[in-house]
Amino acid sequence: MLTDIAWGDTVAKGTSLVADLSRSLVPEDDDGGPQEFDADAAHPARVYNYWLGGKDNFAADREAGEQAVRAYPDLVTAVRANRAFLGRTVRYLACEAGIRQFLDIGTGIPTADNTHEVAQSVAPESRIVYVDNDPMVLTHARALLRSSAEGATAYIGADLRDVATILDKAARTLDLGQPVGVVLAAVLQYIPDEDDPYGIVSRLLAAVPPGSHLVISHPASDINTEQVAESMRRYNERAPEQATPRTRGGVEGFFAGMELIPPGLVPIPEWRPEAQGAAGASIAMWGGVGRKG
């Protein structure tokens, strides 16, 4: 078991809703519609929570997560590196790119330095919409993701494939006529090629104006190739939402027609690291930020 993950003691600020949800509470989305909840099937958000050392997960999540880590022991390090990458990219968008609106899809269960916290620490008037398809995420979001007085934070229960619903509901909080930071951190791997992930990203970007930015992090199939492949195989045996790692070229395809912000598409620790000499070659995740011209 992952007994050495002390960092996760701060996950969700010590609050666990597992007990409530296991008593068959079914959260509702922002329109009041019921959301399905299945504790017996591993879900990416809860597995990710387990990898971070959190406690908002179930036995199925822990089993899938543990099997993946046994094949790729650096996976926990990669997951933490992804959280740090998210913080750096959001800070860049808020500080240097002047972005004041964020659409964070595949939010996951709240941890530290969530998108709205980073953005609103720079610009309190920032507006953030979180999207996830796990009811537990929405329950935590309502309880823990508090906006600044000047800004706004909203939550949508939807799948990334349902672009029309996401955009329709996001427009209640965001002005889609003004630049938006679209954040897809460690989520596109759950969209197989047959579901047209590139088309999904294109439709999202088509709905936002020039000056908008796209943040992507994605598991790599061409770094630590054998370990990653075995890790994904073990995970996919236990989870209904299958994961697909991609090559650098495959991930770069999501940024088609965009200007890649330096240093481009790189292993995530190498994207504008806060410390010099960051070693990213062993972290099997590509990450980058693109600007829509």
Protein backbone atom coordinates (compact mmCIF):
# COMPACT_ATOMS: atom_id res chain seq x y z
CA MET A 1 0.00 0.00 0.00
CA LEU A 2 1.05 3.62 -0.45
CA THR A 3 1.76 4.18 3.22
CA ASP A 4 4.62 6.61 2.59
CA ILE A 5 2.47 9.44 1.14
CA ALA A 6 2.34 12.03 3.89
CA TRP A 7 1.69 14.91 1.47
CA GLY A 8 -1.88 13.74 1.10
CA ASP A 9 -2.69 14.65 4.72
CA THR A 10 -3.61 18.06 3.36
CA VAL A 11 -5.78 16.69 0.56
CA ALA A 12 -9.27 18.16 0.76
CA LYS A 13 -8.12 20.01 3.91
CA GLY A 14 -8.71 16.93 6.04
CA THR A 15 -12.34 16.55 5.00
CA SER A 16 -13.63 13.18 3.79
CA LEU A 17 -17.07 12.62 2.33
CA VAL A 18 -16.57 8.91 1.69
CA ALA A 19 -18.70 7.91 4.65
CA ASP A 20 -21.62 10.06 3.53
CA LEU A 21 -21.42 8.89 -0.05
CA SER A 22 -21.18 5.26 0.96
CA ARG A 23 -24.54 5.73 2.69
CA SER A 24 -25.96 6.25 -0.82
CA LEU A 25 -26.14 10.02 -0.90
CA VAL A 26 -26.47 10.96 -4.57
CA PRO A 27 -25.18 14.50 -5.24
CA GLU A 28 -26.95 16.75 -7.71
CA ASP A 29 -25.39 18.85 -10.44
CA ASP A 30 -25.85 22.61 -10.66
CA ASP A 31 -29.24 22.15 -12.33
CA GLY A 32 -30.47 19.94 -9.52
CA GLY A 33 -30.35 16.72 -11.55
CA PRO A 34 -29.26 13.51 -9.80
CA GLN A 35 -25.81 12.15 -10.52
CA GLU A 36 -25.05 8.43 -10.60
CA PHE A 37 -22.51 7.16 -8.09
CA ASP A 38 -20.76 3.77 -8.10
CA ALA A 39 -18.34 2.95 -5.28
CA ASP A 40 -17.59 -0.49 -6.76
CA ALA A 41 -15.92 0.80 -9.93
CA ALA A 42 -12.60 2.64 -9.97
CA HIS A 43 -12.91 6.27 -11.06
CA PRO A 44 -9.98 8.41 -12.28
CA ALA A 45 -10.62 11.25 -9.82
CA ARG A 46 -10.66 8.91 -6.83
CA VAL A 47 -7.67 6.87 -8.03
CA TYR A 48 -5.79 10.14 -8.47
CA ASN A 49 -6.81 11.08 -4.93
CA TYR A 50 -5.35 7.79 -3.71
CA TRP A 51 -2.08 8.41 -5.53
CA LEU A 52 -1.86 11.79 -3.80
CA GLY A 53 -2.31 10.12 -0.43
CA GLY A 54 -5.90 11.28 0.02
CA LYS A 55 -8.67 9.45 1.81
CA ASP A 56 -11.57 10.16 -0.51
CA ASN A 57 -11.47 6.87 -2.38
CA PHE A 58 -12.84 3.35 -2.21
CA ALA A 59 -11.41 -0.15 -2.32
CA ALA A 60 -11.83 -0.38 -6.11
CA ASP A 61 -9.90 2.88 -6.53
CA ARG A 62 -7.10 1.76 -4.24
CA GLU A 63 -6.75 -1.59 -5.99
CA ALA A 64 -6.51 0.01 -9.45
CA GLY A 65 -4.10 2.64 -8.18
CA GLU A 66 -1.88 0.18 -6.36
CA GLN A 67 -1.58 -2.16 -9.32
CA ALA A 68 -0.56 0.73 -11.57
CA VAL A 69 2.10 1.91 -9.12
CA ARG A 70 3.59 -1.56 -8.82
CA ALA A 71 4.33 -1.50 -12.53
CA TYR A 72 5.54 2.12 -12.59
CA PRO A 73 6.91 3.11 -9.16
CA ASP A 74 7.53 6.72 -10.27
CA LEU A 75 3.81 7.19 -10.88
CA VAL A 76 3.19 8.90 -7.54
CA THR A 77 6.05 11.30 -8.26
CA ALA A 78 4.51 12.01 -11.67
CA VAL A 79 1.11 12.73 -10.14
CA ARG A 80 2.60 15.22 -7.70
CA ALA A 81 4.61 16.78 -10.52
CA ASN A 82 1.36 17.21 -12.43
CA ARG A 83 -0.19 19.18 -9.56
CA ALA A 84 2.86 21.42 -9.50
CA PHE A 85 2.65 21.85 -13.30
CA LEU A 86 -0.98 22.90 -12.98
CA GLY A 87 -0.06 25.55 -10.43
CA ARG A 88 2.76 26.95 -12.56
CA THR A 89 0.68 27.11 -15.73
CA VAL A 90 -2.31 28.77 -14.06
CA ARG A 91 0.03 31.28 -12.43
CA TYR A 92 1.60 31.98 -15.83
CA LEU A 93 -1.81 32.53 -17.42
CA ALA A 94 -2.93 34.87 -14.64
CA CYS A 95 0.35 36.77 -14.22
CA GLU A 96 1.85 36.96 -17.70
CA ALA A 97 -0.95 36.22 -20.14
CA GLY A 98 -3.59 38.30 -18.35
CA ILE A 99 -6.19 35.52 -18.34
CA ARG A 100 -9.08 36.14 -15.94
CA GLN A 101 -11.35 33.24 -16.89
CA PHE A 102 -10.60 29.53 -16.54
CA LEU A 103 -12.44 26.41 -17.65
CA ASP A 104 -10.88 23.49 -15.75
CA ILE A 105 -12.18 20.17 -17.12
CA GLY A 106 -11.41 16.95 -15.27
CA THR A 107 -10.99 18.85 -12.04
CA GLY A 108 -10.53 15.95 -9.67
CA ILE A 109 -11.11 15.98 -5.93
CA PRO A 110 -9.83 19.26 -4.44
CA THR A 111 -6.29 19.29 -3.04
CA ALA A 112 -4.00 22.24 -2.39
CA ASP A 113 -3.37 25.06 -4.90
CA ASN A 114 -6.52 24.49 -6.92
CA THR A 115 -7.01 26.52 -10.10
CA HIS A 116 -9.20 29.20 -8.52
CA GLU A 117 -6.85 29.59 -5.54
CA VAL A 118 -3.83 30.16 -7.76
CA ALA A 119 -5.65 32.43 -10.22
CA GLN A 120 -7.46 34.50 -7.59
CA SER A 121 -4.27 34.91 -5.55
CA VAL A 122 -2.95 36.83 -8.57
CA ALA A 123 -6.20 38.43 -9.75
CA PRO A 124 -9.06 38.17 -7.21
CA GLU A 125 -11.62 38.99 -9.91
CA SER A 126 -10.82 35.77 -11.81
CA ARG A 127 -13.75 33.51 -12.69
CA ILE A 128 -13.37 29.74 -12.71
CA VAL A 129 -15.64 26.92 -13.84
CA TYR A 130 -14.76 23.39 -12.77
CA VAL A 131 -16.04 20.35 -14.69
CA ASP A 132 -15.94 16.69 -13.69
CA ASN A 133 -18.08 13.59 -14.20
CA ASP A 134 -17.65 12.15 -10.68
CA PRO A 135 -20.36 13.13 -8.16
CA MET A 136 -17.82 12.96 -5.32
CA VAL A 137 -15.82 15.71 -7.00
CA LEU A 138 -18.87 17.97 -7.18
CA THR A 139 -19.73 17.32 -3.54
CA HIS A 140 -16.22 18.26 -2.45
CA ALA A 141 -16.16 21.25 -4.76
CA ARG A 142 -19.26 22.77 -3.21
CA ALA A 143 -17.89 22.19 0.28
CA LEU A 144 -14.30 23.30 -0.23
CA LEU A 145 -13.74 25.44 -3.34
CA ARG A 146 -14.67 28.88 -2.09
CA SER A 147 -14.28 31.84 -4.40
CA SER A 148 -12.87 35.24 -3.58
CA ALA A 149 -15.45 37.96 -2.95
CA GLU A 150 -14.50 39.66 -6.21
CA GLY A 151 -14.41 36.56 -8.40
CA ALA A 152 -16.66 33.58 -9.04
CA THR A 153 -16.39 29.80 -8.93
CA ALA A 154 -18.91 27.38 -10.45
CA TYR A 155 -19.12 23.62 -10.87
CA ILE A 156 -20.53 21.50 -13.71
CA GLY A 157 -21.27 17.79 -13.63
CA ALA A 158 -20.48 16.66 -17.18
CA ASP A 159 -18.26 14.39 -19.23
CA LEU A 160 -15.52 15.90 -21.40
CA ARG A 161 -17.16 14.32 -24.45
CA ASP A 162 -20.27 16.45 -23.89
CA VAL A 163 -18.77 19.69 -25.17
CA ALA A 164 -22.12 21.34 -25.87
CA THR A 165 -23.32 20.93 -22.28
CA ILE A 166 -20.02 22.13 -20.86
CA LEU A 167 -19.99 25.26 -22.99
CA ASP A 168 -23.65 26.02 -22.38
CA LYS A 169 -23.33 25.80 -18.61
CA ALA A 170 -19.90 27.48 -18.51
CA ALA A 171 -21.38 30.50 -20.30
CA ARG A 172 -23.48 31.20 -17.22
CA THR A 173 -20.29 32.14 -15.34
CA LEU A 174 -17.73 32.91 -18.06
CA ASP A 175 -17.90 35.44 -20.89
CA LEU A 176 -16.91 33.23 -23.82
CA GLY A 177 -16.39 36.35 -25.90
CA GLN A 178 -13.31 37.13 -23.80
CA PRO A 179 -10.12 35.01 -23.55
CA VAL A 180 -10.39 31.83 -21.50
CA GLY A 181 -7.76 29.51 -20.08
CA VAL A 182 -8.92 25.98 -20.95
CA VAL A 183 -7.26 23.49 -18.58
CA LEU A 184 -7.10 19.80 -19.50
CA ALA A 185 -4.69 18.44 -16.91
CA ALA A 186 -4.27 14.66 -17.00
CA VAL A 187 -7.73 14.02 -18.46
CA LEU A 188 -7.38 13.50 -22.22
CA GLN A 189 -5.87 10.04 -21.71
CA TYR A 190 -9.37 8.88 -20.76
CA ILE A 191 -10.70 9.77 -24.22
CA PRO A 192 -9.78 6.95 -26.64
CA ASP A 193 -8.99 7.72 -30.25
CA GLU A 194 -12.35 6.33 -31.39
CA ASP A 195 -14.08 9.09 -29.36
CA ASP A 196 -12.14 11.75 -31.31
CA PRO A 197 -10.23 13.54 -28.52
CA TYR A 198 -8.72 15.95 -31.06
CA GLY A 199 -12.17 16.93 -32.25
CA ILE A 200 -13.26 17.51 -28.65
CA VAL A 201 -10.36 19.89 -28.05
CA SER A 202 -11.00 21.63 -31.36
CA ARG A 203 -14.65 22.25 -30.45
CA LEU A 204 -13.68 23.68 -27.08
CA LEU A 205 -11.16 26.03 -28.69
CA ALA A 206 -13.57 27.04 -31.44
CA ALA A 207 -15.89 28.41 -28.74
CA VAL A 208 -13.32 30.80 -27.25
CA PRO A 209 -11.71 33.86 -28.88
CA PRO A 210 -8.12 34.61 -29.90
CA GLY A 211 -5.95 35.21 -26.87
CA SER A 212 -7.36 32.15 -25.14
CA HIS A 213 -4.89 29.54 -23.88
CA LEU A 214 -4.89 25.75 -23.64
CA VAL A 215 -3.11 23.85 -20.85
CA ILE A 216 -2.54 20.12 -21.34
CA SER A 217 -0.70 17.48 -19.37
CA HIS A 218 -0.85 13.90 -20.63
CA PRO A 219 0.78 10.53 -19.80
CA ALA A 220 3.58 9.69 -22.24
CA SER A 221 3.87 6.42 -24.10
CA ASP A 222 7.41 7.24 -25.28
CA ILE A 223 9.04 7.86 -21.87
CA ASN A 224 9.69 4.82 -19.65
CA THR A 225 7.77 2.99 -22.34
CA GLU A 226 7.59 -0.52 -20.90
CA GLN A 227 6.75 0.57 -17.36
CA VAL A 228 4.05 2.96 -18.50
CA ALA A 229 2.49 0.38 -20.82
CA GLU A 230 2.32 -2.24 -18.05
CA SER A 231 1.03 0.31 -15.55
CA MET A 232 -1.75 1.35 -17.91
CA ARG A 233 -2.61 -2.28 -18.68
CA ARG A 234 -3.03 -3.07 -15.00
CA TYR A 235 -5.08 0.05 -14.39
CA ASN A 236 -7.33 -0.60 -17.39
CA GLU A 237 -8.08 -4.12 -16.17
CA ARG A 238 -9.70 -2.61 -13.09
CA ALA A 239 -11.30 0.62 -14.32
CA PRO A 240 -14.22 1.18 -16.69
CA GLU A 241 -12.72 4.44 -17.99
CA GLN A 242 -9.73 3.20 -19.97
CA ALA A 243 -6.52 5.23 -20.12
CA THR A 244 -4.41 5.73 -23.25
CA PRO A 245 -0.90 7.21 -23.03
CA ARG A 246 0.30 9.07 -26.12
CA THR A 247 3.57 10.03 -27.76
CA ARG A 248 4.95 13.53 -27.78
CA GLY A 249 3.69 13.93 -31.33
CA GLY A 250 0.27 12.68 -30.31
CA VAL A 251 -0.01 15.21 -27.51
CA GLU A 252 1.38 17.99 -29.69
CA GLY A 253 -1.52 17.34 -32.07
CA PHE A 254 -3.93 18.79 -29.52
CA PHE A 255 -2.21 22.16 -30.00
CA ALA A 256 -2.69 22.21 -33.79
CA GLY A 257 -2.85 25.78 -35.06
CA MET A 258 -1.77 27.27 -31.74
CA GLU A 259 1.40 29.04 -30.67
CA LEU A 260 3.20 26.86 -28.12
CA ILE A 261 4.48 28.98 -25.26
CA PRO A 262 8.20 28.38 -24.54
CA PRO A 263 9.62 25.94 -23.60
CA GLY A 264 7.04 24.12 -25.71
CA LEU A 265 5.84 20.58 -25.07
CA VAL A 266 8.19 19.02 -22.52
CA PRO A 267 8.19 16.57 -19.60
CA ILE A 268 6.10 18.43 -17.03
CA PRO A 269 8.87 19.19 -14.50
CA GLU A 270 10.71 21.05 -17.28
CA TRP A 271 7.89 23.50 -18.02
CA ARG A 272 9.14 26.73 -16.43
CA PRO A 273 10.38 25.06 -13.24
CA GLU A 274 10.56 27.19 -10.12
CA ALA A 275 13.91 25.57 -9.26
CA GLN A 276 16.83 25.36 -11.65
CA GLY A 277 17.97 22.03 -13.00
CA ALA A 278 14.62 20.25 -12.86
CA ALA A 279 14.99 16.64 -14.00
CA GLY A 280 12.03 15.65 -16.10
CA ALA A 281 13.20 12.75 -18.25
CA SER A 282 11.97 10.10 -15.79
CA ILE A 283 8.51 11.65 -15.45
CA ALA A 284 6.36 10.06 -18.13
CA MET A 285 4.04 13.01 -18.71
CA TRP A 286 4.10 15.62 -21.45
CA GLY A 287 2.90 19.12 -20.69
CA GLY A 288 2.54 22.40 -22.49
CA VAL A 289 0.59 25.62 -22.94
CA GLY A 290 -0.70 26.94 -26.27
CA ARG A 291 -2.10 30.33 -27.27
CA LYS A 292 -4.90 30.73 -29.77
CA GLY A 293 -3.99 33.40 -32.32
